[in-house]
Amino acid sequence: MKKLLVLLMTLVLAACTAVGSAMGNNSEIEQNKEKWQDQGISHYRYNLFISCFCVFTEDMPLIIEVQDGKVVSMEFQSGKEIDPSLQADLFDKYATIDRLFGELEADINGAADSVTAKYDETYGFPTEVTIDFVEEATDDELYLTLSNFEKLS
């Protein structure tokens, strides 16, 4: 009976640690999201490099301009035309910083097995993100890098 109690306590403590870890990640994203929102930046441009087991990687990064929460322009730096289905299926969900935060929150809350992120110290937006949707799967990882952020107004 004593061994069973020790085992049960160990499992409870392990579960609490896992929940605390997840809450810590969520807290970090919430703090940075709040930092971003407090800036009140409504018009900006940035480069988004999406890396995955994908055919479009050689055309990256995307140059994205956003005004009032809407994408004003999105183009490959290479000048190649963006496939509309690719834009709708993948690029649009990361096309604004607010959408990116939404996707990260969904991933952290269970849509992905593993998410790590680094954030801009001044503005709070994610600068480097690694998402592993299924840890046991191969070639399902997604890497996002935001750079050359420019506040336009």
C-alpha atoms as a PDB file:
ATOM      1  CA  MET A   1       0.000   0.000   0.000  1.00  0.00           C
ATOM      2  CA  LYS A   2       2.854   2.343   0.868  1.00  0.00           C
ATOM      3  CA  LYS A   3       4.471   1.735  -2.544  1.00  0.00           C
ATOM      4  CA  LEU A   4       1.167   2.485  -4.262  1.00  0.00           C
ATOM      5  CA  LEU A   5       0.863   5.767  -2.342  1.00  0.00           C
ATOM      6  CA  VAL A   6       4.427   6.755  -3.297  1.00  0.00           C
ATOM      7  CA  LEU A   7       3.713   5.914  -6.941  1.00  0.00           C
ATOM      8  CA  LEU A   8       0.486   7.922  -6.870  1.00  0.00           C
ATOM      9  CA  MET A   9       2.245  10.943  -5.312  1.00  0.00           C
ATOM     10  CA  THR A  10       4.998  10.735  -7.938  1.00  0.00           C
ATOM     11  CA  LEU A  11       2.429  10.743 -10.745  1.00  0.00           C
ATOM     12  CA  VAL A  12       0.554  13.693  -9.211  1.00  0.00           C
ATOM     13  CA  LEU A  13       3.758  15.706  -8.833  1.00  0.00           C
ATOM     14  CA  ALA A  14       4.807  14.891 -12.406  1.00  0.00           C
ATOM     15  CA  ALA A  15       1.409  16.038 -13.684  1.00  0.00           C
ATOM     16  CA  CYS A  16       1.666  19.285 -11.713  1.00  0.00           C
ATOM     17  CA  THR A  17       5.127  19.926 -13.149  1.00  0.00           C
ATOM     18  CA  ALA A  18       3.876  19.349 -16.705  1.00  0.00           C
ATOM     19  CA  VAL A  19       0.927  21.701 -16.175  1.00  0.00           C
ATOM     20  CA  GLY A  20       3.222  24.306 -14.613  1.00  0.00           C
ATOM     21  CA  SER A  21       5.553  24.061 -17.598  1.00  0.00           C
ATOM     22  CA  ALA A  22       2.714  24.533 -20.058  1.00  0.00           C
ATOM     23  CA  MET A  23       1.396  27.484 -18.063  1.00  0.00           C
ATOM     24  CA  GLY A  24       4.875  28.996 -18.033  1.00  0.00           C
ATOM     25  CA  ASN A  25       5.007  28.865 -21.843  1.00  0.00           C
ATOM     26  CA  ASN A  26       1.529  30.349 -22.090  1.00  0.00           C
ATOM     27  CA  SER A  27       2.477  33.053 -19.609  1.00  0.00           C
ATOM     28  CA  GLU A  28       5.500  33.964 -21.725  1.00  0.00           C
ATOM     29  CA  ILE A  29       3.407  34.224 -24.867  1.00  0.00           C
ATOM     30  CA  GLU A  30       0.728  36.229 -23.035  1.00  0.00           C
ATOM     31  CA  GLN A  31       3.314  38.694 -21.695  1.00  0.00           C
ATOM     32  CA  ASN A  32       4.786  39.211 -25.149  1.00  0.00           C
ATOM     33  CA  LYS A  33       1.381  39.462 -26.798  1.00  0.00           C
ATOM     34  CA  GLU A  34       0.453  42.164 -24.313  1.00  0.00           C
ATOM     35  CA  LYS A  35       3.745  43.949 -24.989  1.00  0.00           C
ATOM     36  CA  TRP A  36       2.953  43.839 -28.730  1.00  0.00           C
ATOM     37  CA  GLN A  37      -0.600  45.110 -28.240  1.00  0.00           C
ATOM     38  CA  ASP A  38       0.560  47.906 -25.915  1.00  0.00           C
ATOM     39  CA  GLN A  39       2.718  49.284 -28.751  1.00  0.00           C
ATOM     40  CA  GLY A  40      -0.413  50.126 -30.763  1.00  0.00           C
ATOM     41  CA  ILE A  41       1.391  49.607 -34.059  1.00  0.00           C
ATOM     42  CA  SER A  42      -1.175  49.506 -36.845  1.00  0.00           C
ATOM     43  CA  HIS A  43       1.059  49.766 -39.930  1.00  0.00           C
ATOM     44  CA  TYR A  44       4.198  47.677 -40.285  1.00  0.00           C
ATOM     45  CA  ARG A  45       6.300  45.580 -42.632  1.00  0.00           C
ATOM     46  CA  TYR A  46       8.450  42.545 -41.905  1.00  0.00           C
ATOM     47  CA  ASN A  47      10.139  39.570 -43.521  1.00  0.00           C
ATOM     48  CA  LEU A  48       8.802  36.126 -42.728  1.00  0.00           C
ATOM     49  CA  PHE A  49      10.957  33.125 -43.502  1.00  0.00           C
ATOM     50  CA  ILE A  50       8.984  29.867 -43.349  1.00  0.00           C
ATOM     51  CA  SER A  51      11.132  26.783 -43.383  1.00  0.00           C
ATOM     52  CA  CYS A  52       9.770  23.275 -43.577  1.00  0.00           C
ATOM     53  CA  PHE A  53       9.911  20.224 -45.781  1.00  0.00           C
ATOM     54  CA  CYS A  54       8.423  22.389 -48.562  1.00  0.00           C
ATOM     55  CA  VAL A  55       9.097  23.296 -52.177  1.00  0.00           C
ATOM     56  CA  PHE A  56       8.824  27.066 -51.697  1.00  0.00           C
ATOM     57  CA  THR A  57      11.682  27.513 -49.211  1.00  0.00           C
ATOM     58  CA  GLU A  58      14.108  28.729 -51.896  1.00  0.00           C
ATOM     59  CA  ASP A  59      11.828  31.736 -52.578  1.00  0.00           C
ATOM     60  CA  MET A  60      11.733  32.875 -48.960  1.00  0.00           C
ATOM     61  CA  PRO A  61      11.447  35.199 -47.197  1.00  0.00           C
ATOM     62  CA  LEU A  62       8.033  36.714 -47.691  1.00  0.00           C
ATOM     63  CA  ILE A  63       7.862  40.483 -47.433  1.00  0.00           C
ATOM     64  CA  ILE A  64       4.594  41.333 -45.727  1.00  0.00           C
ATOM     65  CA  GLU A  65       3.012  44.735 -45.134  1.00  0.00           C
ATOM     66  CA  VAL A  66       0.106  45.026 -42.702  1.00  0.00           C
ATOM     67  CA  GLN A  67      -2.143  47.999 -42.006  1.00  0.00           C
ATOM     68  CA  ASP A  68      -5.001  48.015 -39.505  1.00  0.00           C
ATOM     69  CA  GLY A  69      -4.841  44.241 -39.121  1.00  0.00           C
ATOM     70  CA  LYS A  70      -5.126  43.552 -42.859  1.00  0.00           C
ATOM     71  CA  VAL A  71      -2.444  42.353 -45.244  1.00  0.00           C
ATOM     72  CA  VAL A  72      -1.720  45.183 -47.693  1.00  0.00           C
ATOM     73  CA  SER A  73       0.900  43.222 -49.627  1.00  0.00           C
ATOM     74  CA  MET A  74       2.681  39.892 -49.538  1.00  0.00           C
ATOM     75  CA  GLU A  75       5.395  38.843 -51.939  1.00  0.00           C
ATOM     76  CA  PHE A  76       8.367  36.533 -52.126  1.00  0.00           C
ATOM     77  CA  GLN A  77      11.642  38.420 -51.886  1.00  0.00           C
ATOM     78  CA  SER A  78      12.723  36.371 -54.915  1.00  0.00           C
ATOM     79  CA  GLY A  79       9.985  38.034 -56.978  1.00  0.00           C
ATOM     80  CA  LYS A  80       8.341  34.702 -57.818  1.00  0.00           C
ATOM     81  CA  GLU A  81       4.537  34.779 -57.840  1.00  0.00           C
ATOM     82  CA  ILE A  82       2.836  33.279 -54.772  1.00  0.00           C
ATOM     83  CA  ASP A  83       0.594  30.281 -55.450  1.00  0.00           C
ATOM     84  CA  PRO A  84      -2.874  31.376 -54.192  1.00  0.00           C
ATOM     85  CA  SER A  85      -3.630  27.980 -52.610  1.00  0.00           C
ATOM     86  CA  LEU A  86      -0.323  28.024 -50.744  1.00  0.00           C
ATOM     87  CA  GLN A  87      -1.060  31.534 -49.542  1.00  0.00           C
ATOM     88  CA  ALA A  88      -4.530  30.522 -48.327  1.00  0.00           C
ATOM     89  CA  ASP A  89      -3.412  27.234 -46.734  1.00  0.00           C
ATOM     90  CA  LEU A  90      -0.222  28.344 -44.991  1.00  0.00           C
ATOM     91  CA  PHE A  91       0.975  31.904 -45.448  1.00  0.00           C
ATOM     92  CA  ASP A  92      -2.223  33.735 -44.453  1.00  0.00           C
ATOM     93  CA  LYS A  93      -2.309  32.220 -40.964  1.00  0.00           C
ATOM     94  CA  TYR A  94       1.072  33.830 -40.198  1.00  0.00           C
ATOM     95  CA  ALA A  95       0.603  36.997 -42.283  1.00  0.00           C
ATOM     96  CA  THR A  96      -0.011  39.391 -39.397  1.00  0.00           C
ATOM     97  CA  ILE A  97       1.630  39.402 -36.011  1.00  0.00           C
ATOM     98  CA  ASP A  98      -1.776  39.093 -34.316  1.00  0.00           C
ATOM     99  CA  ARG A  99      -2.567  35.979 -36.404  1.00  0.00           C
ATOM    100  CA  LEU A 100       0.839  34.564 -35.569  1.00  0.00           C
ATOM    101  CA  PHE A 101       0.127  34.975 -31.851  1.00  0.00           C
ATOM    102  CA  GLY A 102      -3.235  33.241 -32.350  1.00  0.00           C
ATOM    103  CA  GLU A 103      -1.611  30.289 -34.100  1.00  0.00           C
ATOM    104  CA  LEU A 104       1.076  30.010 -31.417  1.00  0.00           C
ATOM    105  CA  GLU A 105      -1.531  30.011 -28.658  1.00  0.00           C
ATOM    106  CA  ALA A 106      -3.477  27.254 -30.441  1.00  0.00           C
ATOM    107  CA  ASP A 107      -0.287  25.240 -30.945  1.00  0.00           C
ATOM    108  CA  ILE A 108       0.788  25.654 -27.311  1.00  0.00           C
ATOM    109  CA  ASN A 109      -2.688  24.644 -26.149  1.00  0.00           C
ATOM    110  CA  GLY A 110      -2.593  21.315 -27.946  1.00  0.00           C
ATOM    111  CA  ALA A 111      -2.579  21.743 -31.726  1.00  0.00           C
ATOM    112  CA  ALA A 112       1.133  20.815 -31.737  1.00  0.00           C
ATOM    113  CA  ASP A 113       3.256  18.508 -29.616  1.00  0.00           C
ATOM    114  CA  SER A 114       6.071  21.023 -29.154  1.00  0.00           C
ATOM    115  CA  VAL A 115       6.433  24.788 -29.586  1.00  0.00           C
ATOM    116  CA  THR A 116       9.394  27.011 -28.789  1.00  0.00           C
ATOM    117  CA  ALA A 117       9.599  30.732 -29.423  1.00  0.00           C
ATOM    118  CA  LYS A 118      11.921  33.680 -28.947  1.00  0.00           C
ATOM    119  CA  TYR A 119      10.500  37.185 -28.771  1.00  0.00           C
ATOM    120  CA  ASP A 120      11.608  40.672 -29.737  1.00  0.00           C
ATOM    121  CA  GLU A 121      12.678  42.495 -26.568  1.00  0.00           C
ATOM    122  CA  THR A 122      11.260  45.857 -27.656  1.00  0.00           C
ATOM    123  CA  TYR A 123       7.980  44.982 -29.355  1.00  0.00           C
ATOM    124  CA  GLY A 124       7.212  41.483 -28.055  1.00  0.00           C
ATOM    125  CA  PHE A 125       6.473  39.807 -31.400  1.00  0.00           C
ATOM    126  CA  PRO A 126       7.906  36.325 -32.020  1.00  0.00           C
ATOM    127  CA  THR A 127      11.232  36.386 -33.863  1.00  0.00           C
ATOM    128  CA  GLU A 128      11.993  32.645 -34.007  1.00  0.00           C
ATOM    129  CA  VAL A 129       9.421  29.871 -33.721  1.00  0.00           C
ATOM    130  CA  THR A 130       9.782  26.112 -33.950  1.00  0.00           C
ATOM    131  CA  ILE A 131       6.610  24.038 -34.151  1.00  0.00           C
ATOM    132  CA  ASP A 132       6.664  20.251 -34.110  1.00  0.00           C
ATOM    133  CA  PHE A 133       3.132  19.101 -34.792  1.00  0.00           C
ATOM    134  CA  VAL A 134       3.772  15.381 -34.132  1.00  0.00           C
ATOM    135  CA  GLU A 135       6.992  14.566 -32.286  1.00  0.00           C
ATOM    136  CA  GLU A 136       7.150  11.001 -33.626  1.00  0.00           C
ATOM    137  CA  ALA A 137       6.633  12.125 -37.242  1.00  0.00           C
ATOM    138  CA  THR A 138       9.405  13.057 -39.620  1.00  0.00           C
ATOM    139  CA  ASP A 139       9.416  16.242 -41.695  1.00  0.00           C
ATOM    140  CA  ASP A 140       6.366  17.854 -40.056  1.00  0.00           C
ATOM    141  CA  GLU A 141       8.298  20.598 -38.270  1.00  0.00           C
ATOM    142  CA  LEU A 142       7.729  24.230 -39.138  1.00  0.00           C
ATOM    143  CA  TYR A 143      10.253  27.001 -38.501  1.00  0.00           C
ATOM    144  CA  LEU A 144       9.331  30.676 -38.657  1.00  0.00           C
ATOM    145  CA  THR A 145      11.772  33.566 -38.552  1.00  0.00           C
ATOM    146  CA  LEU A 146      10.595  37.185 -38.456  1.00  0.00           C
ATOM    147  CA  SER A 147      13.147  39.816 -39.372  1.00  0.00           C
ATOM    148  CA  ASN A 148      13.552  43.362 -40.697  1.00  0.00           C
ATOM    149  CA  PHE A 149      10.538  44.597 -38.746  1.00  0.00           C
ATOM    150  CA  GLU A 150       9.697  48.151 -39.714  1.00  0.00           C
ATOM    151  CA  LYS A 151       7.075  50.367 -38.075  1.00  0.00           C
ATOM    152  CA  LEU A 152       5.548  52.400 -40.920  1.00  0.00           C
ATOM    153  CA  SER A 153       3.244  54.800 -39.057  1.00  0.00           C
END
